Protein backbone atom coordinates (compact mmCIF):
# COMPACT_ATOMS: atom_id res chain seq x y z
CA MET A 1 39.39 -16.49 57.23
CA SER A 2 36.17 -16.72 55.21
CA PHE A 3 33.33 -14.43 54.18
CA THR A 4 29.67 -14.67 53.21
CA LEU A 5 28.00 -14.57 49.80
CA ILE A 6 24.34 -13.55 49.90
CA TYR A 7 22.02 -14.37 46.97
CA ILE A 8 18.94 -12.13 46.71
CA THR A 9 16.28 -12.30 43.99
CA ASN A 10 14.65 -9.06 42.84
CA PRO A 11 11.83 -8.04 40.50
CA SER A 12 14.01 -5.63 38.46
CA VAL A 13 17.48 -4.29 37.83
CA GLU A 14 16.43 -1.03 39.45
CA THR A 15 15.44 -2.80 42.67
CA ALA A 16 18.67 -4.81 42.76
CA GLU A 17 20.77 -1.69 42.12
CA ASN A 18 18.90 0.26 44.80
CA ILE A 19 19.44 -2.45 47.40
CA ALA A 20 23.11 -2.83 46.39
CA HIS A 21 23.75 0.92 46.67
CA GLN A 22 22.09 1.16 50.07
CA LEU A 23 24.08 -1.81 51.39
CA LEU A 24 27.32 -0.34 50.03
CA GLU A 25 26.61 3.12 51.45
CA LYS A 26 26.01 1.58 54.89
CA LYS A 27 29.28 -0.40 54.55
CA LEU A 28 27.33 -3.63 55.10
CA VAL A 29 28.79 -5.22 51.94
CA ALA A 30 32.04 -4.89 50.00
CA CYS A 31 30.64 -5.38 46.51
CA ALA A 32 27.65 -6.58 44.54
CA ASN A 33 27.00 -8.48 41.32
CA ILE A 34 23.74 -8.17 39.41
CA PHE A 35 22.47 -10.44 36.64
CA PRO A 36 19.17 -11.50 35.03
CA ILE A 37 17.59 -14.92 35.58
CA SER A 38 14.42 -16.84 34.71
CA SER A 39 12.58 -18.23 37.72
CA VAL A 40 9.92 -20.93 38.01
CA TYR A 41 8.39 -21.40 41.46
CA TRP A 42 5.33 -22.14 43.55
CA TRP A 43 3.43 -19.07 44.78
CA GLN A 44 0.02 -19.15 46.47
CA GLY A 45 -0.86 -22.58 45.07
CA ASN A 46 0.22 -21.87 41.48
CA ILE A 47 3.36 -22.46 39.46
CA GLU A 48 4.66 -19.08 38.37
CA SER A 49 7.28 -18.07 35.79
CA ASP A 50 9.03 -14.71 35.90
CA LYS A 51 12.08 -12.83 34.80
CA GLU A 52 13.98 -11.75 37.91
CA VAL A 53 17.32 -10.21 38.76
CA VAL A 54 19.79 -11.77 41.17
CA LEU A 55 21.89 -9.64 43.46
CA ILE A 56 24.91 -11.38 44.97
CA VAL A 57 26.65 -9.41 47.70
CA LYS A 58 29.84 -10.17 49.60
CA THR A 59 30.26 -9.35 53.27
CA SER A 60 31.89 -10.47 56.49
CA ASN A 61 30.34 -13.40 58.34
CA LYS A 62 29.68 -11.06 61.30
CA LEU A 63 27.48 -8.76 59.21
CA LEU A 64 25.17 -11.44 57.78
CA PRO A 65 22.36 -10.83 60.31
CA LYS A 66 22.44 -7.05 59.73
CA VAL A 67 22.44 -7.47 55.93
CA SER A 68 19.54 -9.92 56.04
CA GLN A 69 17.51 -7.70 58.36
CA PHE A 70 18.14 -4.59 56.26
CA VAL A 71 17.30 -6.29 52.95
CA THR A 72 14.09 -7.72 54.42
CA SER A 73 13.07 -4.26 55.63
CA ILE A 74 13.40 -2.60 52.19
CA HIS A 75 12.68 -5.47 49.76
CA PRO A 76 9.42 -5.23 47.76
CA TYR A 77 8.68 -8.99 47.90
CA THR A 78 6.40 -10.34 50.64
CA THR A 79 8.82 -13.24 51.03
CA PRO A 80 12.24 -12.21 49.71
CA CYS A 81 14.76 -14.90 48.82
CA ILE A 82 17.88 -14.25 50.89
CA LEU A 83 20.25 -17.22 50.71
CA HIS A 84 23.77 -17.26 52.07
CA TRP A 85 26.94 -19.30 51.95
CA GLN A 86 30.12 -19.06 53.92
CA VAL A 87 32.93 -19.22 51.36
CA ASN A 88 36.70 -19.02 51.03
CA ALA A 89 38.74 -17.22 48.40
CA ASN A 90 42.34 -16.22 47.86
CA PRO A 91 43.66 -14.53 51.01
CA GLU A 92 44.13 -11.14 49.35
CA TYR A 93 40.47 -11.03 48.25
CA GLU A 94 39.20 -12.13 51.65
CA THR A 95 41.28 -9.41 53.31
CA TRP A 96 39.88 -6.84 50.87
CA ILE A 97 36.28 -7.89 51.74
CA GLN A 98 36.98 -7.58 55.46
CA GLU A 99 38.66 -4.17 55.05
CA GLN A 100 35.72 -2.75 53.08
CA VAL A 101 33.06 -3.66 55.62
CA LEU A 102 35.01 -3.75 58.87
CA GLY A 103 37.86 -1.37 58.07
CA ASP A 104 37.24 0.89 61.06
CA ILE A 105 37.04 -2.12 63.40
CA LEU A 106 40.11 -4.05 62.19
């Protein structure tokens, strides 16, 4: 068994918390981690520097498309960063993730 980590950059803690809460309420993710970062990147022909906030959410592999679509629909960025990795953890944690998002299906 495995699950998916999704890394999403945000302009503020408030935005990250709002997205996390909506994903949790919809049972699309099991949990979320939020932390500040400094970003340097190309945007519209210029190198930009900003303080951002990363939201990392954990979900089942099956729900990745739904999570990505939902985040894109509510995210304030024109081009949101939504990266994902399929990962493994201890079996008890992986089972917990699956139960939180797919509990009614399992």
